Amino acid sequence: VFEFREIVQNEAFENRDFIIRKFAQFTFEMHEKGI
């Protein structure tokens, strides 16, 4: 595993935008469940 921090720090990270979108989806799911 790696920290989301690596996405923030490394703008050349592989699949960076895709992972950011997946992270947004993950957070949205949390919010929908009231977390």
PDB file of all heavy atoms in Angstrom:
ATOM      1  N   VAL A   1       0.848  -1.192   0.000  1.00  0.00           N
ATOM      2  CA  VAL A   1       0.000   0.000   0.000  1.00  0.00           C
ATOM      3  C   VAL A   1       0.888   1.248   0.000  1.00  0.00           C
ATOM      4  O   VAL A   1       2.068   1.183   0.345  1.00  0.00           O
ATOM      5  CB  VAL A   1      -0.950   0.040   1.215  1.00  0.00           C
ATOM      6  CG1 VAL A   1      -1.978  -1.075   1.137  1.00  0.00           C
ATOM      7  CG2 VAL A   1      -0.171  -0.031   2.525  1.00  0.00           C
ATOM      8  N   PHE A   2       0.303   2.370  -0.391  1.00  0.00           N
ATOM      9  CA  PHE A   2       1.007   3.649  -0.310  1.00  0.00           C
ATOM     10  C   PHE A   2       0.029   4.699   0.211  1.00  0.00           C
ATOM     11  O   PHE A   2      -1.188   4.529   0.140  1.00  0.00           O
ATOM     12  CB  PHE A   2       1.583   4.058  -1.667  1.00  0.00           C
ATOM     13  CG  PHE A   2       0.564   4.182  -2.771  1.00  0.00           C
ATOM     14  CD1 PHE A   2      -0.050   5.405  -3.049  1.00  0.00           C
ATOM     15  CD2 PHE A   2       0.214   3.087  -3.549  1.00  0.00           C
ATOM     16  CE1 PHE A   2      -0.984   5.532  -4.070  1.00  0.00           C
ATOM     17  CE2 PHE A   2      -0.725   3.191  -4.580  1.00  0.00           C
ATOM     18  CZ  PHE A   2      -1.322   4.417  -4.833  1.00  0.00           C
ATOM     19  N   GLU A   3       0.578   5.779   0.765  1.00  0.00           N
ATOM     20  CA  GLU A   3      -0.262   6.843   1.310  1.00  0.00           C
ATOM     21  C   GLU A   3      -0.769   7.749   0.193  1.00  0.00           C
ATOM     22  O   GLU A   3      -0.074   7.971  -0.804  1.00  0.00           O
ATOM     23  CB  GLU A   3       0.522   7.689   2.318  1.00  0.00           C
ATOM     24  CG  GLU A   3       0.911   6.967   3.588  1.00  0.00           C
ATOM     25  CD  GLU A   3       1.655   7.883   4.542  1.00  0.00           C
ATOM     26  OE1 GLU A   3       1.884   9.065   4.194  1.00  0.00           O
ATOM     27  OE2 GLU A   3       2.016   7.417   5.643  1.00  0.00           O
ATOM     28  N   PHE A   4      -1.954   8.300   0.379  1.00  0.00           N
ATOM     29  CA  PHE A   4      -2.463   9.304  -0.560  1.00  0.00           C
ATOM     30  C   PHE A   4      -1.512  10.491  -0.634  1.00  0.00           C
ATOM     31  O   PHE A   4      -1.464  11.200  -1.644  1.00  0.00           O
ATOM     32  CB  PHE A   4      -3.860   9.764  -0.132  1.00  0.00           C
ATOM     33  CG  PHE A   4      -4.532  10.662  -1.129  1.00  0.00           C
ATOM     34  CD1 PHE A   4      -5.155  10.142  -2.255  1.00  0.00           C
ATOM     35  CD2 PHE A   4      -4.539  12.041  -0.953  1.00  0.00           C
ATOM     36  CE1 PHE A   4      -5.765  10.973  -3.183  1.00  0.00           C
ATOM     37  CE2 PHE A   4      -5.151  12.875  -1.875  1.00  0.00           C
ATOM     38  CZ  PHE A   4      -5.767  12.328  -2.991  1.00  0.00           C
ATOM     39  N   ARG A   5      -0.726  10.686   0.409  1.00  0.00           N
ATOM     40  CA  ARG A   5       0.268  11.769   0.445  1.00  0.00           C
ATOM     41  C   ARG A   5       1.192  11.726  -0.775  1.00  0.00           C
ATOM     42  O   ARG A   5       1.617  12.770  -1.281  1.00  0.00           O
ATOM     43  CB  ARG A   5       1.101  11.664   1.721  1.00  0.00           C
ATOM     44  CG  ARG A   5       2.006  12.847   1.991  1.00  0.00           C
ATOM     45  CD  ARG A   5       3.016  12.532   3.072  1.00  0.00           C
ATOM     46  NE  ARG A   5       2.436  11.923   4.239  1.00  0.00           N
ATOM     47  CZ  ARG A   5       1.880  12.600   5.241  1.00  0.00           C
ATOM     48  NH1 ARG A   5       1.818  13.922   5.175  1.00  0.00           N
ATOM     49  NH2 ARG A   5       1.390  11.961   6.283  1.00  0.00           N
ATOM     50  N   GLU A   6       1.503  10.513  -1.251  1.00  0.00           N
ATOM     51  CA  GLU A   6       2.389  10.379  -2.412  1.00  0.00           C
ATOM     52  C   GLU A   6       1.762  10.986  -3.665  1.00  0.00           C
ATOM     53  O   GLU A   6       2.457  11.512  -4.527  1.00  0.00           O
ATOM     54  CB  GLU A   6       2.740   8.907  -2.640  1.00  0.00           C
ATOM     55  CG  GLU A   6       3.592   8.292  -1.543  1.00  0.00           C
ATOM     56  CD  GLU A   6       4.041   6.889  -1.877  1.00  0.00           C
ATOM     57  OE1 GLU A   6       4.373   6.636  -3.059  1.00  0.00           O
ATOM     58  OE2 GLU A   6       4.054   6.039  -0.961  1.00  0.00           O
ATOM     59  N   ILE A   7       0.437  10.913  -3.757  1.00  0.00           N
ATOM     60  CA  ILE A   7      -0.278  11.522  -4.886  1.00  0.00           C
ATOM     61  C   ILE A   7      -0.155  13.039  -4.824  1.00  0.00           C
ATOM     62  O   ILE A   7      -0.019  13.716  -5.845  1.00  0.00           O
ATOM     63  CB  ILE A   7      -1.766  11.117  -4.862  1.00  0.00           C
ATOM     64  CG1 ILE A   7      -1.914   9.594  -4.862  1.00  0.00           C
ATOM     65  CG2 ILE A   7      -2.523  11.735  -6.028  1.00  0.00           C
ATOM     66  CD1 ILE A   7      -1.460   8.934  -6.120  1.00  0.00           C
ATOM     67  N   VAL A   8      -0.227  13.579  -3.606  1.00  0.00           N
ATOM     68  CA  VAL A   8      -0.120  15.034  -3.416  1.00  0.00           C
ATOM     69  C   VAL A   8       1.272  15.515  -3.782  1.00  0.00           C
ATOM     70  O   VAL A   8       1.443  16.524  -4.468  1.00  0.00           O
ATOM     71  CB  VAL A   8      -0.457  15.411  -1.956  1.00  0.00           C
ATOM     72  CG1 VAL A   8      -0.298  16.910  -1.748  1.00  0.00           C
ATOM     73  CG2 VAL A   8      -1.867  14.963  -1.587  1.00  0.00           C
ATOM     74  N   GLN A   9       2.281  14.778  -3.347  1.00  0.00           N
ATOM     75  CA  GLN A   9       3.660  15.239  -3.497  1.00  0.00           C
ATOM     76  C   GLN A   9       4.237  14.996  -4.883  1.00  0.00           C
ATOM     77  O   GLN A   9       5.102  15.745  -5.334  1.00  0.00           O
ATOM     78  CB  GLN A   9       4.540  14.553  -2.441  1.00  0.00           C
ATOM     79  CG  GLN A   9       4.186  14.945  -1.012  1.00  0.00           C
ATOM     80  CD  GLN A   9       4.979  14.169   0.027  1.00  0.00           C
ATOM     81  OE1 GLN A   9       5.534  13.107  -0.263  1.00  0.00           O
ATOM     82  NE2 GLN A   9       5.025  14.688   1.244  1.00  0.00           N
ATOM     83  N   ASN A  10       3.780  13.963  -5.557  1.00  0.00           N
ATOM     84  CA  ASN A  10       4.359  13.576  -6.847  1.00  0.00           C
ATOM     85  C   ASN A  10       3.368  13.805  -7.984  1.00  0.00           C
ATOM     86  O   ASN A  10       2.470  12.994  -8.217  1.00  0.00           O
ATOM     87  CB  ASN A  10       4.788  12.106  -6.801  1.00  0.00           C
ATOM     88  CG  ASN A  10       5.472  11.651  -8.086  1.00  0.00           C
ATOM     89  OD1 ASN A  10       5.704  12.449  -9.000  1.00  0.00           O
ATOM     90  ND2 ASN A  10       5.779  10.362  -8.159  1.00  0.00           N
ATOM     91  N   GLU A  11       3.556  14.900  -8.701  1.00  0.00           N
ATOM     92  CA  GLU A  11       2.628  15.232  -9.789  1.00  0.00           C
ATOM     93  C   GLU A  11       2.769  14.304 -10.990  1.00  0.00           C
ATOM     94  O   GLU A  11       1.906  14.288 -11.867  1.00  0.00           O
ATOM     95  CB  GLU A  11       2.835  16.690 -10.204  1.00  0.00           C
ATOM     96  CG  GLU A  11       2.476  17.677  -9.096  1.00  0.00           C
ATOM     97  CD  GLU A  11       2.600  19.129  -9.535  1.00  0.00           C
ATOM     98  OE1 GLU A  11       2.942  19.354 -10.721  1.00  0.00           O
ATOM     99  OE2 GLU A  11       2.357  20.015  -8.697  1.00  0.00           O
ATOM    100  N   ALA A  12       3.851  13.517 -11.018  1.00  0.00           N
ATOM    101  CA  ALA A  12       4.063  12.580 -12.125  1.00  0.00           C
ATOM    102  C   ALA A  12       3.650  11.157 -11.743  1.00  0.00           C
ATOM    103  O   ALA A  12       3.934  10.203 -12.460  1.00  0.00           O
ATOM    104  CB  ALA A  12       5.526  12.595 -12.553  1.00  0.00           C
ATOM    105  N   PHE A  13       2.953  11.019 -10.619  1.00  0.00           N
ATOM    106  CA  PHE A  13       2.559   9.695 -10.142  1.00  0.00           C
ATOM    107  C   PHE A  13       1.679   8.998 -11.187  1.00  0.00           C
ATOM    108  O   PHE A  13       0.783   9.612 -11.770  1.00  0.00           O
ATOM    109  CB  PHE A  13       1.796   9.817  -8.818  1.00  0.00           C
ATOM    110  CG  PHE A  13       1.732   8.545  -8.026  1.00  0.00           C
ATOM    111  CD1 PHE A  13       2.644   8.291  -7.020  1.00  0.00           C
ATOM    112  CD2 PHE A  13       0.759   7.586  -8.288  1.00  0.00           C
ATOM    113  CE1 PHE A  13       2.589   7.117  -6.280  1.00  0.00           C
ATOM    114  CE2 PHE A  13       0.703   6.410  -7.567  1.00  0.00           C
ATOM    115  CZ  PHE A  13       1.623   6.172  -6.553  1.00  0.00           C
ATOM    116  N   GLU A  14       1.936   7.725 -11.403  1.00  0.00           N
ATOM    117  CA  GLU A  14       1.195   6.955 -12.406  1.00  0.00           C
ATOM    118  C   GLU A  14      -0.307   6.948 -12.101  1.00  0.00           C
ATOM    119  O   GLU A  14      -0.720   6.709 -10.970  1.00  0.00           O
ATOM    120  CB  GLU A  14       1.710   5.513 -12.435  1.00  0.00           C
ATOM    121  CG  GLU A  14       1.055   4.642 -13.491  1.00  0.00           C
ATOM    122  CD  GLU A  14       1.525   3.193 -13.425  1.00  0.00           C
ATOM    123  OE1 GLU A  14       2.117   2.804 -12.393  1.00  0.00           O
ATOM    124  OE2 GLU A  14       1.305   2.462 -14.399  1.00  0.00           O
ATOM    125  N   ASN A  15      -1.118   7.233 -13.119  1.00  0.00           N
ATOM    126  CA  ASN A  15      -2.588   7.237 -12.982  1.00  0.00           C
ATOM    127  C   ASN A  15      -3.066   8.252 -11.942  1.00  0.00           C
ATOM    128  O   ASN A  15      -4.090   8.042 -11.287  1.00  0.00           O
ATOM    129  CB  ASN A  15      -3.121   5.850 -12.607  1.00  0.00           C
ATOM    130  CG  ASN A  15      -3.000   4.857 -13.748  1.00  0.00           C
ATOM    131  OD1 ASN A  15      -2.923   5.241 -14.918  1.00  0.00           O
ATOM    132  ND2 ASN A  15      -2.986   3.583 -13.412  1.00  0.00           N
ATOM    133  N   ARG A  16      -2.341   9.350 -11.793  1.00  0.00           N
ATOM    134  CA  ARG A  16      -2.621  10.306 -10.707  1.00  0.00           C
ATOM    135  C   ARG A  16      -4.060  10.824 -10.736  1.00  0.00           C
ATOM    136  O   ARG A  16      -4.779  10.722  -9.729  1.00  0.00           O
ATOM    137  CB  ARG A  16      -1.647  11.481 -10.784  1.00  0.00           C
ATOM    138  CG  ARG A  16      -1.740  12.462  -9.611  1.00  0.00           C
ATOM    139  CD  ARG A  16      -0.575  13.442  -9.697  1.00  0.00           C
ATOM    140  NE  ARG A  16      -0.562  14.354  -8.566  1.00  0.00           N
ATOM    141  CZ  ARG A  16      -1.026  15.611  -8.603  1.00  0.00           C
ATOM    142  NH1 ARG A  16      -1.577  16.081  -9.727  1.00  0.00           N
ATOM    143  NH2 ARG A  16      -0.965  16.386  -7.535  1.00  0.00           N
ATOM    144  N   ASP A  17      -4.506  11.372 -11.849  1.00  0.00           N
ATOM    145  CA  ASP A  17      -5.865  11.917 -11.922  1.00  0.00           C
ATOM    146  C   ASP A  17      -6.915  10.834 -11.688  1.00  0.00           C
ATOM    147  O   ASP A  17      -7.937  11.082 -11.036  1.00  0.00           O
ATOM    148  CB  ASP A  17      -6.102  12.593 -13.272  1.00  0.00           C
ATOM    149  CG  ASP A  17      -5.540  14.011 -13.321  1.00  0.00           C
ATOM    150  OD1 ASP A  17      -4.777  14.363 -12.402  1.00  0.00           O
ATOM    151  OD2 ASP A  17      -5.868  14.749 -14.259  1.00  0.00           O
ATOM    152  N   PHE A  18      -6.650   9.645 -12.226  1.00  0.00           N
ATOM    153  CA  PHE A  18      -7.584   8.535 -12.055  1.00  0.00           C
ATOM    154  C   PHE A  18      -7.723   8.163 -10.579  1.00  0.00           C
ATOM    155  O   PHE A  18      -8.824   7.945 -10.068  1.00  0.00           O
ATOM    156  CB  PHE A  18      -7.104   7.318 -12.862  1.00  0.00           C
ATOM    157  CG  PHE A  18      -8.024   6.133 -12.805  1.00  0.00           C
ATOM    158  CD1 PHE A  18      -9.179   6.094 -13.566  1.00  0.00           C
ATOM    159  CD2 PHE A  18      -7.728   5.053 -11.981  1.00  0.00           C
ATOM    160  CE1 PHE A  18     -10.035   4.998 -13.507  1.00  0.00           C
ATOM    161  CE2 PHE A  18      -8.566   3.961 -11.916  1.00  0.00           C
ATOM    162  CZ  PHE A  18      -9.726   3.925 -12.682  1.00  0.00           C
ATOM    163  N   ILE A  19      -6.591   8.125  -9.864  1.00  0.00           N
ATOM    164  CA  ILE A  19      -6.615   7.785  -8.438  1.00  0.00           C
ATOM    165  C   ILE A  19      -7.325   8.883  -7.638  1.00  0.00           C
ATOM    166  O   ILE A  19      -8.083   8.591  -6.702  1.00  0.00           O
ATOM    167  CB  ILE A  19      -5.185   7.568  -7.907  1.00  0.00           C
ATOM    168  CG1 ILE A  19      -4.536   6.381  -8.615  1.00  0.00           C
ATOM    169  CG2 ILE A  19      -5.197   7.325  -6.398  1.00  0.00           C
ATOM    170  CD1 ILE A  19      -3.055   6.224  -8.321  1.00  0.00           C
ATOM    171  N   ILE A  20      -7.096  10.150  -8.007  1.00  0.00           N
ATOM    172  CA  ILE A  20      -7.780  11.254  -7.328  1.00  0.00           C
ATOM    173  C   ILE A  20      -9.288  11.112  -7.484  1.00  0.00           C
ATOM    174  O   ILE A  20     -10.055  11.317  -6.531  1.00  0.00           O
ATOM    175  CB  ILE A  20      -7.304  12.614  -7.881  1.00  0.00           C
ATOM    176  CG1 ILE A  20      -5.825  12.838  -7.541  1.00  0.00           C
ATOM    177  CG2 ILE A  20      -8.139  13.766  -7.313  1.00  0.00           C
ATOM    178  CD1 ILE A  20      -5.202  14.028  -8.254  1.00  0.00           C
ATOM    179  N   ARG A  21      -9.725  10.745  -8.662  1.00  0.00           N
ATOM    180  CA  ARG A  21     -11.167  10.554  -8.899  1.00  0.00           C
ATOM    181  C   ARG A  21     -11.694   9.371  -8.085  1.00  0.00           C
ATOM    182  O   ARG A  21     -12.790   9.438  -7.509  1.00  0.00           O
ATOM    183  CB  ARG A  21     -11.441  10.356 -10.384  1.00  0.00           C
ATOM    184  CG  ARG A  21     -11.226  11.617 -11.209  1.00  0.00           C
ATOM    185  CD  ARG A  21     -11.618  11.463 -12.666  1.00  0.00           C
ATOM    186  NE  ARG A  21     -11.333  12.695 -13.396  1.00  0.00           N
ATOM    187  CZ  ARG A  21     -12.155  13.758 -13.398  1.00  0.00           C
ATOM    188  NH1 ARG A  21     -13.309  13.707 -12.749  1.00  0.00           N
ATOM    189  NH2 ARG A  21     -11.825  14.844 -14.069  1.00  0.00           N
ATOM    190  N   LYS A  22     -10.929   8.308  -8.025  1.00  0.00           N
ATOM    191  CA  LYS A  22     -11.343   7.149  -7.228  1.00  0.00           C
ATOM    192  C   LYS A  22     -11.399   7.504  -5.741  1.00  0.00           C
ATOM    193  O   LYS A  22     -12.272   7.049  -5.005  1.00  0.00           O
ATOM    194  CB  LYS A  22     -10.388   5.976  -7.465  1.00  0.00           C
ATOM    195  CG  LYS A  22     -10.513   5.330  -8.831  1.00  0.00           C
ATOM    196  CD  LYS A  22     -11.904   4.710  -9.009  1.00  0.00           C
ATOM    197  CE  LYS A  22     -12.073   4.051 -10.351  1.00  0.00           C
ATOM    198  NZ  LYS A  22     -13.443   3.507 -10.548  1.00  0.00           N
ATOM    199  N   PHE A  23     -10.455   8.351  -5.311  1.00  0.00           N
ATOM    200  CA  PHE A  23     -10.458   8.819  -3.923  1.00  0.00           C
ATOM    201  C   PHE A  23     -11.705   9.658  -3.642  1.00  0.00           C
ATOM    202  O   PHE A  23     -12.330   9.535  -2.580  1.00  0.00           O
ATOM    203  CB  PHE A  23      -9.199   9.637  -3.643  1.00  0.00           C
ATOM    204  CG  PHE A  23      -9.182  10.287  -2.290  1.00  0.00           C
ATOM    205  CD1 PHE A  23      -8.854   9.560  -1.157  1.00  0.00           C
ATOM    206  CD2 PHE A  23      -9.503  11.632  -2.148  1.00  0.00           C
ATOM    207  CE1 PHE A  23      -8.851  10.162   0.098  1.00  0.00           C
ATOM    208  CE2 PHE A  23      -9.500  12.239  -0.909  1.00  0.00           C
ATOM    209  CZ  PHE A  23      -9.170  11.501   0.217  1.00  0.00           C
ATOM    210  N   ALA A  24     -12.070  10.517  -4.592  1.00  0.00           N
ATOM    211  CA  ALA A  24     -13.291  11.323  -4.440  1.00  0.00           C
ATOM    212  C   ALA A  24     -14.519  10.422  -4.354  1.00  0.00           C
ATOM    213  O   ALA A  24     -15.439  10.667  -3.559  1.00  0.00           O
ATOM    214  CB  ALA A  24     -13.425  12.302  -5.600  1.00  0.00           C
ATOM    215  N   GLN A  25     -14.541   9.360  -5.143  1.00  0.00           N
ATOM    216  CA  GLN A  25     -15.644   8.400  -5.094  1.00  0.00           C
ATOM    217  C   GLN A  25     -15.701   7.701  -3.733  1.00  0.00           C
ATOM    218  O   GLN A  25     -16.779   7.516  -3.162  1.00  0.00           O
ATOM    219  CB  GLN A  25     -15.490   7.365  -6.210  1.00  0.00           C
ATOM    220  CG  GLN A  25     -15.644   7.921  -7.614  1.00  0.00           C
ATOM    221  CD  GLN A  25     -15.285   6.910  -8.683  1.00  0.00           C
ATOM    222  OE1 GLN A  25     -15.242   5.707  -8.451  1.00  0.00           O
ATOM    223  NE2 GLN A  25     -14.985   7.402  -9.887  1.00  0.00           N
ATOM    224  N   PHE A  26     -14.523   7.318  -3.229  1.00  0.00           N
ATOM    225  CA  PHE A  26     -14.423   6.667  -1.918  1.00  0.00           C
ATOM    226  C   PHE A  26     -14.940   7.595  -0.813  1.00  0.00           C
ATOM    227  O   PHE A  26     -15.714   7.188   0.055  1.00  0.00           O
ATOM    228  CB  PHE A  26     -12.962   6.289  -1.664  1.00  0.00           C
ATOM    229  CG  PHE A  26     -12.676   5.758  -0.285  1.00  0.00           C
ATOM    230  CD1 PHE A  26     -13.157   4.525   0.122  1.00  0.00           C
ATOM    231  CD2 PHE A  26     -11.900   6.496   0.599  1.00  0.00           C
ATOM    232  CE1 PHE A  26     -12.881   4.030   1.387  1.00  0.00           C
ATOM    233  CE2 PHE A  26     -11.618   6.017   1.867  1.00  0.00           C
ATOM    234  CZ  PHE A  26     -12.105   4.775   2.263  1.00  0.00           C
ATOM    235  N   THR A  27     -14.532   8.872  -0.873  1.00  0.00           N
ATOM    236  CA  THR A  27     -14.972   9.839   0.128  1.00  0.00           C
ATOM    237  C   THR A  27     -16.473  10.093   0.014  1.00  0.00           C
ATOM    238  O   THR A  27     -17.181  10.195   1.032  1.00  0.00           O
ATOM    239  CB  THR A  27     -14.198  11.162  -0.029  1.00  0.00           C
ATOM    240  OG1 THR A  27     -12.808  10.920   0.141  1.00  0.00           O
ATOM    241  CG2 THR A  27     -14.652  12.184   1.007  1.00  0.00           C
ATOM    242  N   PHE A  28     -16.981  10.194  -1.197  1.00  0.00           N
ATOM    243  CA  PHE A  28     -18.418  10.387  -1.398  1.00  0.00           C
ATOM    244  C   PHE A  28     -19.204   9.222  -0.801  1.00  0.00           C
ATOM    245  O   PHE A  28     -20.247   9.432  -0.152  1.00  0.00           O
ATOM    246  CB  PHE A  28     -18.736  10.518  -2.889  1.00  0.00           C
ATOM    247  CG  PHE A  28     -20.201  10.659  -3.188  1.00  0.00           C
ATOM    248  CD1 PHE A  28     -20.865  11.861  -2.980  1.00  0.00           C
ATOM    249  CD2 PHE A  28     -20.938   9.578  -3.667  1.00  0.00           C
ATOM    250  CE1 PHE A  28     -22.230  11.993  -3.240  1.00  0.00           C
ATOM    251  CE2 PHE A  28     -22.300   9.694  -3.929  1.00  0.00           C
ATOM    252  CZ  PHE A  28     -22.945  10.905  -3.722  1.00  0.00           C
ATOM    253  N   GLU A  29     -18.717   8.017  -0.990  1.00  0.00           N
ATOM    254  CA  GLU A  29     -19.386   6.841  -0.409  1.00  0.00           C
ATOM    255  C   GLU A  29     -19.423   6.933   1.112  1.00  0.00           C
ATOM    256  O   GLU A  29     -20.441   6.648   1.747  1.00  0.00           O
ATOM    257  CB  GLU A  29     -18.666   5.556  -0.836  1.00  0.00           C
ATOM    258  CG  GLU A  29     -19.318   4.289  -0.296  1.00  0.00           C
ATOM    259  CD  GLU A  29     -18.537   3.026  -0.606  1.00  0.00           C
ATOM    260  OE1 GLU A  29     -17.475   3.115  -1.261  1.00  0.00           O
ATOM    261  OE2 GLU A  29     -18.979   1.940  -0.177  1.00  0.00           O
ATOM    262  N   MET A  30     -18.303   7.361   1.715  1.00  0.00           N
ATOM    263  CA  MET A  30     -18.261   7.587   3.162  1.00  0.00           C
ATOM    264  C   MET A  30     -19.316   8.591   3.585  1.00  0.00           C
ATOM    265  O   MET A  30     -20.073   8.361   4.546  1.00  0.00           O
ATOM    266  CB  MET A  30     -16.887   8.132   3.577  1.00  0.00           C
ATOM    267  CG  MET A  30     -15.789   7.108   3.695  1.00  0.00           C
ATOM    268  SD  MET A  30     -14.173   7.915   3.956  1.00  0.00           S
ATOM    269  CE  MET A  30     -14.583   9.256   5.053  1.00  0.00           C
ATOM    270  N   HIS A  31     -19.371   9.707   2.891  1.00  0.00           N
ATOM    271  CA  HIS A  31     -20.313  10.769   3.239  1.00  0.00           C
ATOM    272  C   HIS A  31     -21.757  10.313   3.090  1.00  0.00           C
ATOM    273  O   HIS A  31     -22.615  10.656   3.909  1.00  0.00           O
ATOM    274  CB  HIS A  31     -20.046  12.001   2.366  1.00  0.00           C
ATOM    275  CG  HIS A  31     -18.754  12.678   2.667  1.00  0.00           C
ATOM    276  ND1 HIS A  31     -18.228  13.671   1.867  1.00  0.00           N
ATOM    277  CD2 HIS A  31     -17.870  12.508   3.693  1.00  0.00           C
ATOM    278  CE1 HIS A  31     -17.090  14.082   2.394  1.00  0.00           C
ATOM    279  NE2 HIS A  31     -16.846  13.389   3.486  1.00  0.00           N
ATOM    280  N   GLU A  32     -22.030   9.544   2.057  1.00  0.00           N
ATOM    281  CA  GLU A  32     -23.380   9.028   1.856  1.00  0.00           C
ATOM    282  C   GLU A  32     -23.801   8.109   2.996  1.00  0.00           C
ATOM    283  O   GLU A  32     -24.987   8.024   3.335  1.00  0.00           O
ATOM    284  CB  GLU A  32     -23.464   8.275   0.519  1.00  0.00           C
ATOM    285  CG  GLU A  32     -23.477   9.171  -0.709  1.00  0.00           C
ATOM    286  CD  GLU A  32     -24.763   9.982  -0.808  1.00  0.00           C
ATOM    287  OE1 GLU A  32     -25.796   9.415  -1.210  1.00  0.00           O
ATOM    288  OE2 GLU A  32     -24.725  11.190  -0.479  1.00  0.00           O
ATOM    289  N   LYS A  33     -22.835   7.454   3.608  1.00  0.00           N
ATOM    290  CA  LYS A  33     -23.121   6.560   4.732  1.00  0.00           C
ATOM    291  C   LYS A  33     -23.061   7.297   6.072  1.00  0.00           C
ATOM    292  O   LYS A  33     -23.194   6.671   7.128  1.00  0.00           O
ATOM    293  CB  LYS A  33     -22.146   5.378   4.721  1.00  0.00           C
ATOM    294  CG  LYS A  33     -22.361   4.454   3.527  1.00  0.00           C
ATOM    295  CD  LYS A  33     -21.383   3.282   3.509  1.00  0.00           C
ATOM    296  CE  LYS A  33     -21.695   2.353   2.333  1.00  0.00           C
ATOM    297  NZ  LYS A  33     -20.765   1.199   2.281  1.00  0.00           N
ATOM    298  N   GLY A  34     -22.848   8.613   6.020  1.00  0.00           N
ATOM    299  CA  GLY A  34     -22.860   9.428   7.236  1.00  0.00           C
ATOM    300  C   GLY A  34     -21.576   9.398   8.030  1.00  0.00           C
ATOM    301  O   GLY A  34     -21.563   9.746   9.217  1.00  0.00           O
ATOM    302  N   ILE A  35     -20.472   9.012   7.394  1.00  0.00           N
ATOM    303  CA  ILE A  35     -19.194   8.897   8.095  1.00  0.00           C
ATOM    304  C   ILE A  35     -18.390  10.178   7.935  1.00  0.00           C
ATOM    305  O   ILE A  35     -18.031  10.559   6.821  1.00  0.00           O
ATOM    306  CB  ILE A  35     -18.377   7.710   7.556  1.00  0.00           C
ATOM    307  CG1 ILE A  35     -19.161   6.401   7.733  1.00  0.00           C
ATOM    308  CG2 ILE A  35     -17.024   7.617   8.253  1.00  0.00           C
ATOM    309  CD1 ILE A  35     -18.590   5.238   6.952  1.00  0.00           C
TER     310      ILE A  35
END
